Amino acid sequence: MTKAKNRDEAASVVASIFNLTPRAVRMVINGETTNEPVLEAVVTYKEGKSKLIEEIKKLVPFDQSTL
């Protein structure tokens, strides 16, 4: 997954929580506007997703030599 796609996913999820547009959330992420609760939600979402991916990698054997 590309960095841009991750950003858009986080913006979309957080936007739906706060009833905002993804663009409004990206503006907060980029520092164009200020909204602490939205920024905290983005950080929390990204941290949670990273932890989830790490736990899945531990549970599911993944052989990169088959790629």
PDB file of N, CA and C in Angstrom:
ATOM      1  N   MET A   1       0.846  -1.172   0.000  1.00  0.00           N
ATOM      2  CA  MET A   1       0.000   0.000   0.000  1.00  0.00           C
ATOM      3  C   MET A   1       0.896   1.240   0.000  1.00  0.00           C
ATOM      4  N   THR A   2       0.599   2.184  -0.841  1.00  0.00           N
ATOM      5  CA  THR A   2       1.433   3.369  -0.932  1.00  0.00           C
ATOM      6  C   THR A   2       1.147   4.326   0.211  1.00  0.00           C
ATOM      7  N   LYS A   3       2.096   5.225   0.413  1.00  0.00           N
ATOM      8  CA  LYS A   3       1.948   6.209   1.480  1.00  0.00           C
ATOM      9  C   LYS A   3       0.714   7.091   1.243  1.00  0.00           C
ATOM     10  N   ALA A   4       0.494   7.485  -0.002  1.00  0.00           N
ATOM     11  CA  ALA A   4      -0.662   8.326  -0.321  1.00  0.00           C
ATOM     12  C   ALA A   4      -1.969   7.599  -0.037  1.00  0.00           C
ATOM     13  N   LYS A   5      -2.013   6.308  -0.357  1.00  0.00           N
ATOM     14  CA  LYS A   5      -3.233   5.546  -0.105  1.00  0.00           C
ATOM     15  C   LYS A   5      -3.483   5.413   1.395  1.00  0.00           C
ATOM     16  N   ASN A   6      -2.415   5.205   2.177  1.00  0.00           N
ATOM     17  CA  ASN A   6      -2.562   5.147   3.630  1.00  0.00           C
ATOM     18  C   ASN A   6      -3.102   6.461   4.174  1.00  0.00           C
ATOM     19  N   ARG A   7      -2.579   7.569   3.658  1.00  0.00           N
ATOM     20  CA  ARG A   7      -3.025   8.882   4.107  1.00  0.00           C
ATOM     21  C   ARG A   7      -4.506   9.077   3.797  1.00  0.00           C
ATOM     22  N   ASP A   8      -4.891   8.704   2.589  1.00  0.00           N
ATOM     23  CA  ASP A   8      -6.287   8.856   2.198  1.00  0.00           C
ATOM     24  C   ASP A   8      -7.203   7.959   3.020  1.00  0.00           C
ATOM     25  N   GLU A   9      -6.728   6.767   3.338  1.00  0.00           N
ATOM     26  CA  GLU A   9      -7.540   5.864   4.153  1.00  0.00           C
ATOM     27  C   GLU A   9      -7.741   6.442   5.543  1.00  0.00           C
ATOM     28  N   ALA A  10      -6.679   6.910   6.147  1.00  0.00           N
ATOM     29  CA  ALA A  10      -6.779   7.501   7.486  1.00  0.00           C
ATOM     30  C   ALA A  10      -7.692   8.722   7.454  1.00  0.00           C
ATOM     31  N   ALA A  11      -7.528   9.556   6.444  1.00  0.00           N
ATOM     32  CA  ALA A  11      -8.368  10.756   6.335  1.00  0.00           C
ATOM     33  C   ALA A  11      -9.830  10.381   6.164  1.00  0.00           C
ATOM     34  N   SER A  12     -10.102   9.364   5.365  1.00  0.00           N
ATOM     35  CA  SER A  12     -11.485   8.948   5.140  1.00  0.00           C
ATOM     36  C   SER A  12     -12.122   8.387   6.405  1.00  0.00           C
ATOM     37  N   VAL A  13     -11.386   7.554   7.120  1.00  0.00           N
ATOM     38  CA  VAL A  13     -11.924   6.955   8.345  1.00  0.00           C
ATOM     39  C   VAL A  13     -12.190   8.021   9.400  1.00  0.00           C
ATOM     40  N   VAL A  14     -11.207   8.885   9.615  1.00  0.00           N
ATOM     41  CA  VAL A  14     -11.372   9.928  10.628  1.00  0.00           C
ATOM     42  C   VAL A  14     -12.462  10.921  10.211  1.00  0.00           C
ATOM     43  N   ALA A  15     -12.536  11.213   8.934  1.00  0.00           N
ATOM     44  CA  ALA A  15     -13.574  12.123   8.448  1.00  0.00           C
ATOM     45  C   ALA A  15     -14.965  11.574   8.748  1.00  0.00           C
ATOM     46  N   SER A  16     -15.144  10.280   8.565  1.00  0.00           N
ATOM     47  CA  SER A  16     -16.457   9.692   8.838  1.00  0.00           C
ATOM     48  C   SER A  16     -16.792   9.746  10.327  1.00  0.00           C
ATOM     49  N   ILE A  17     -15.785   9.654  11.172  1.00  0.00           N
ATOM     50  CA  ILE A  17     -16.015   9.729  12.624  1.00  0.00           C
ATOM     51  C   ILE A  17     -16.467  11.128  13.028  1.00  0.00           C
ATOM     52  N   PHE A  18     -15.825  12.133  12.458  1.00  0.00           N
ATOM     53  CA  PHE A  18     -16.099  13.518  12.844  1.00  0.00           C
ATOM     54  C   PHE A  18     -17.081  14.229  11.914  1.00  0.00           C
ATOM     55  N   ASN A  19     -17.639  13.495  10.961  1.00  0.00           N
ATOM     56  CA  ASN A  19     -18.578  14.069   9.999  1.00  0.00           C
ATOM     57  C   ASN A  19     -17.948  15.236   9.222  1.00  0.00           C
ATOM     58  N   LEU A  20     -16.712  14.992   8.751  1.00  0.00           N
ATOM     59  CA  LEU A  20     -15.976  15.960   7.944  1.00  0.00           C
ATOM     60  C   LEU A  20     -15.688  15.345   6.584  1.00  0.00           C
ATOM     61  N   THR A  21     -15.140  16.131   5.701  1.00  0.00           N
ATOM     62  CA  THR A  21     -14.671  15.588   4.430  1.00  0.00           C
ATOM     63  C   THR A  21     -13.237  15.106   4.610  1.00  0.00           C
ATOM     64  N   PRO A  22     -12.817  14.124   3.819  1.00  0.00           N
ATOM     65  CA  PRO A  22     -11.419  13.697   3.892  1.00  0.00           C
ATOM     66  C   PRO A  22     -10.456  14.857   3.626  1.00  0.00           C
ATOM     67  N   ARG A  23     -10.838  15.780   2.745  1.00  0.00           N
ATOM     68  CA  ARG A  23      -9.986  16.945   2.464  1.00  0.00           C
ATOM     69  C   ARG A  23      -9.790  17.787   3.721  1.00  0.00           C
ATOM     70  N   ALA A  24     -10.845  17.975   4.510  1.00  0.00           N
ATOM     71  CA  ALA A  24     -10.734  18.751   5.750  1.00  0.00           C
ATOM     72  C   ALA A  24      -9.770  18.074   6.718  1.00  0.00           C
ATOM     73  N   VAL A  25      -9.807  16.757   6.781  1.00  0.00           N
ATOM     74  CA  VAL A  25      -8.899  16.022   7.664  1.00  0.00           C
ATOM     75  C   VAL A  25      -7.464  16.136   7.146  1.00  0.00           C
ATOM     76  N   ARG A  26      -7.277  16.028   5.822  1.00  0.00           N
ATOM     77  CA  ARG A  26      -5.925  16.176   5.264  1.00  0.00           C
ATOM     78  C   ARG A  26      -5.366  17.579   5.534  1.00  0.00           C
ATOM     79  N   MET A  27      -6.240  18.581   5.540  1.00  0.00           N
ATOM     80  CA  MET A  27      -5.796  19.935   5.861  1.00  0.00           C
ATOM     81  C   MET A  27      -5.291  20.018   7.298  1.00  0.00           C
ATOM     82  N   VAL A  28      -5.928  19.303   8.204  1.00  0.00           N
ATOM     83  CA  VAL A  28      -5.463  19.247   9.593  1.00  0.00           C
ATOM     84  C   VAL A  28      -4.125  18.520   9.651  1.00  0.00           C
ATOM     85  N   ILE A  29      -4.020  17.402   8.945  1.00  0.00           N
ATOM     86  CA  ILE A  29      -2.781  16.629   8.930  1.00  0.00           C
ATOM     87  C   ILE A  29      -1.630  17.477   8.395  1.00  0.00           C
ATOM     88  N   ASN A  30      -1.896  18.265   7.356  1.00  0.00           N
ATOM     89  CA  ASN A  30      -0.865  19.089   6.730  1.00  0.00           C
ATOM     90  C   ASN A  30      -0.586  20.390   7.482  1.00  0.00           C
ATOM     91  N   GLY A  31      -1.345  20.673   8.540  1.00  0.00           N
ATOM     92  CA  GLY A  31      -1.126  21.873   9.324  1.00  0.00           C
ATOM     93  C   GLY A  31      -1.766  23.120   8.742  1.00  0.00           C
ATOM     94  N   GLU A  32      -2.611  22.954   7.742  1.00  0.00           N
ATOM     95  CA  GLU A  32      -3.284  24.108   7.132  1.00  0.00           C
ATOM     96  C   GLU A  32      -4.393  24.649   8.028  1.00  0.00           C
ATOM     97  N   THR A  33      -4.984  23.780   8.839  1.00  0.00           N
ATOM     98  CA  THR A  33      -5.978  24.181   9.826  1.00  0.00           C
ATOM     99  C   THR A  33      -5.660  23.466  11.132  1.00  0.00           C
ATOM    100  N   THR A  34      -6.264  23.927  12.212  1.00  0.00           N
ATOM    101  CA  THR A  34      -6.003  23.352  13.529  1.00  0.00           C
ATOM    102  C   THR A  34      -7.269  22.690  14.061  1.00  0.00           C
ATOM    103  N   ASN A  35      -7.127  21.425  14.467  1.00  0.00           N
ATOM    104  CA  ASN A  35      -8.223  20.708  15.100  1.00  0.00           C
ATOM    105  C   ASN A  35      -7.605  19.547  15.873  1.00  0.00           C
ATOM    106  N   GLU A  36      -7.297  19.781  17.145  1.00  0.00           N
ATOM    107  CA  GLU A  36      -6.597  18.789  17.965  1.00  0.00           C
ATOM    108  C   GLU A  36      -7.309  17.436  18.035  1.00  0.00           C
ATOM    109  N   PRO A  37      -8.632  17.399  18.273  1.00  0.00           N
ATOM    110  CA  PRO A  37      -9.286  16.088  18.345  1.00  0.00           C
ATOM    111  C   PRO A  37      -9.139  15.281  17.049  1.00  0.00           C
ATOM    112  N   VAL A  38      -9.216  15.948  15.913  1.00  0.00           N
ATOM    113  CA  VAL A  38      -9.065  15.260  14.629  1.00  0.00           C
ATOM    114  C   VAL A  38      -7.635  14.754  14.478  1.00  0.00           C
ATOM    115  N   LEU A  39      -6.662  15.585  14.812  1.00  0.00           N
ATOM    116  CA  LEU A  39      -5.261  15.179  14.702  1.00  0.00           C
ATOM    117  C   LEU A  39      -4.958  13.997  15.624  1.00  0.00           C
ATOM    118  N   GLU A  40      -5.480  14.036  16.824  1.00  0.00           N
ATOM    119  CA  GLU A  40      -5.292  12.923  17.762  1.00  0.00           C
ATOM    120  C   GLU A  40      -5.916  11.640  17.214  1.00  0.00           C
ATOM    121  N   ALA A  41      -7.077  11.764  16.599  1.00  0.00           N
ATOM    122  CA  ALA A  41      -7.740  10.591  16.031  1.00  0.00           C
ATOM    123  C   ALA A  41      -6.929   9.999  14.880  1.00  0.00           C
ATOM    124  N   VAL A  42      -6.329  10.855  14.059  1.00  0.00           N
ATOM    125  CA  VAL A  42      -5.498  10.368  12.952  1.00  0.00           C
ATOM    126  C   VAL A  42      -4.301   9.612  13.494  1.00  0.00           C
ATOM    127  N   VAL A  43      -3.629  10.177  14.479  1.00  0.00           N
ATOM    128  CA  VAL A  43      -2.458   9.527  15.071  1.00  0.00           C
ATOM    129  C   VAL A  43      -2.844   8.200  15.708  1.00  0.00           C
ATOM    130  N   THR A  44      -3.931   8.187  16.443  1.00  0.00           N
ATOM    131  CA  THR A  44      -4.406   6.961  17.087  1.00  0.00           C
ATOM    132  C   THR A  44      -4.753   5.896  16.051  1.00  0.00           C
ATOM    133  N   TYR A  45      -5.411   6.293  14.986  1.00  0.00           N
ATOM    134  CA  TYR A  45      -5.772   5.358  13.916  1.00  0.00           C
ATOM    135  C   TYR A  45      -4.523   4.748  13.291  1.00  0.00           C
ATOM    136  N   LYS A  46      -3.551   5.582  12.958  1.00  0.00           N
ATOM    137  CA  LYS A  46      -2.335   5.087  12.314  1.00  0.00           C
ATOM    138  C   LYS A  46      -1.540   4.169  13.240  1.00  0.00           C
ATOM    139  N   GLU A  47      -1.452   4.527  14.525  1.00  0.00           N
ATOM    140  CA  GLU A  47      -0.745   3.675  15.485  1.00  0.00           C
ATOM    141  C   GLU A  47      -1.446   2.332  15.639  1.00  0.00           C
ATOM    142  N   GLY A  48      -2.763   2.366  15.738  1.00  0.00           N
ATOM    143  CA  GLY A  48      -3.534   1.129  15.891  1.00  0.00           C
ATOM    144  C   GLY A  48      -3.390   0.229  14.680  1.00  0.00           C
ATOM    145  N   LYS A  49      -3.411   0.813  13.502  1.00  0.00           N
ATOM    146  CA  LYS A  49      -3.272   0.029  12.281  1.00  0.00           C
ATOM    147  C   LYS A  49      -1.889  -0.599  12.205  1.00  0.00           C
ATOM    148  N   SER A  50      -0.876   0.153  12.585  1.00  0.00           N
ATOM    149  CA  SER A  50       0.492  -0.377  12.565  1.00  0.00           C
ATOM    150  C   SER A  50       0.634  -1.555  13.524  1.00  0.00           C
ATOM    151  N   LYS A  51       0.058  -1.407  14.712  1.00  0.00           N
ATOM    152  CA  LYS A  51       0.113  -2.497  15.697  1.00  0.00           C
ATOM    153  C   LYS A  51      -0.630  -3.723  15.188  1.00  0.00           C
ATOM    154  N   LEU A  52      -1.773  -3.515  14.564  1.00  0.00           N
ATOM    155  CA  LEU A  52      -2.553  -4.621  14.019  1.00  0.00           C
ATOM    156  C   LEU A  52      -1.768  -5.365  12.943  1.00  0.00           C
ATOM    157  N   ILE A  53      -1.134  -4.635  12.062  1.00  0.00           N
ATOM    158  CA  ILE A  53      -0.346  -5.254  10.993  1.00  0.00           C
ATOM    159  C   ILE A  53       0.807  -6.059  11.577  1.00  0.00           C
ATOM    160  N   GLU A  54       1.481  -5.532  12.584  1.00  0.00           N
ATOM    161  CA  GLU A  54       2.587  -6.256  13.219  1.00  0.00           C
ATOM    162  C   GLU A  54       2.101  -7.552  13.861  1.00  0.00           C
ATOM    163  N   GLU A  55       0.959  -7.508  14.525  1.00  0.00           N
ATOM    164  CA  GLU A  55       0.424  -8.720  15.153  1.00  0.00           C
ATOM    165  C   GLU A  55       0.011  -9.754  14.111  1.00  0.00           C
ATOM    166  N   ILE A  56      -0.547  -9.312  13.016  1.00  0.00           N
ATOM    167  CA  ILE A  56      -0.916 -10.237  11.936  1.00  0.00           C
ATOM    168  C   ILE A  56       0.325 -10.887  11.357  1.00  0.00           C
ATOM    169  N   LYS A  57       1.383 -10.108  11.171  1.00  0.00           N
ATOM    170  CA  LYS A  57       2.634 -10.661  10.646  1.00  0.00           C
ATOM    171  C   LYS A  57       3.202 -11.726  11.573  1.00  0.00           C
ATOM    172  N   LYS A  58       3.010 -11.549  12.876  1.00  0.00           N
ATOM    173  CA  LYS A  58       3.484 -12.548  13.837  1.00  0.00           C
ATOM    174  C   LYS A  58       2.675 -13.843  13.732  1.00  0.00           C
ATOM    175  N   LEU A  59       1.388 -13.723  13.455  1.00  0.00           N
ATOM    176  CA  LEU A  59       0.504 -14.882  13.438  1.00  0.00           C
ATOM    177  C   LEU A  59       0.489 -15.631  12.112  1.00  0.00           C
ATOM    178  N   VAL A  60       0.659 -14.904  11.019  1.00  0.00           N
ATOM    179  CA  VAL A  60       0.548 -15.518   9.698  1.00  0.00           C
ATOM    180  C   VAL A  60       1.936 -15.666   9.097  1.00  0.00           C
ATOM    181  N   PRO A  61       2.318 -16.917   8.813  1.00  0.00           N
ATOM    182  CA  PRO A  61       3.629 -17.091   8.170  1.00  0.00           C
ATOM    183  C   PRO A  61       3.609 -16.491   6.781  1.00  0.00           C
ATOM    184  N   PHE A  62       4.632 -15.726   6.488  1.00  0.00           N
ATOM    185  CA  PHE A  62       4.694 -15.030   5.199  1.00  0.00           C
ATOM    186  C   PHE A  62       6.049 -15.300   4.589  1.00  0.00           C
ATOM    187  N   ASP A  63       6.052 -16.022   3.493  1.00  0.00           N
ATOM    188  CA  ASP A  63       7.286 -16.378   2.819  1.00  0.00           C
ATOM    189  C   ASP A  63       7.476 -15.456   1.632  1.00  0.00           C
ATOM    190  N   GLN A  64       8.412 -14.513   1.759  1.00  0.00           N
ATOM    191  CA  GLN A  64       8.629 -13.551   0.695  1.00  0.00           C
ATOM    192  C   GLN A  64       9.317 -14.154  -0.521  1.00  0.00           C
ATOM    193  N   SER A  65       9.898 -15.323  -0.383  1.00  0.00           N
ATOM    194  CA  SER A  65      10.590 -15.926  -1.524  1.00  0.00           C
ATOM    195  C   SER A  65       9.611 -16.386  -2.611  1.00  0.00           C
ATOM    196  N   THR A  66       8.323 -16.471  -2.264  1.00  0.00           N
ATOM    197  CA  THR A  66       7.329 -16.898  -3.261  1.00  0.00           C
ATOM    198  C   THR A  66       6.793 -15.743  -4.085  1.00  0.00           C
ATOM    199  N   LEU A  67       7.213 -14.527  -3.755  1.00  0.00           N
ATOM    200  CA  LEU A  67       6.702 -13.357  -4.487  1.00  0.00           C
ATOM    201  C   LEU A  67       7.431 -13.162  -5.781  1.00  0.00           C
TER     202      LEU A  67
END
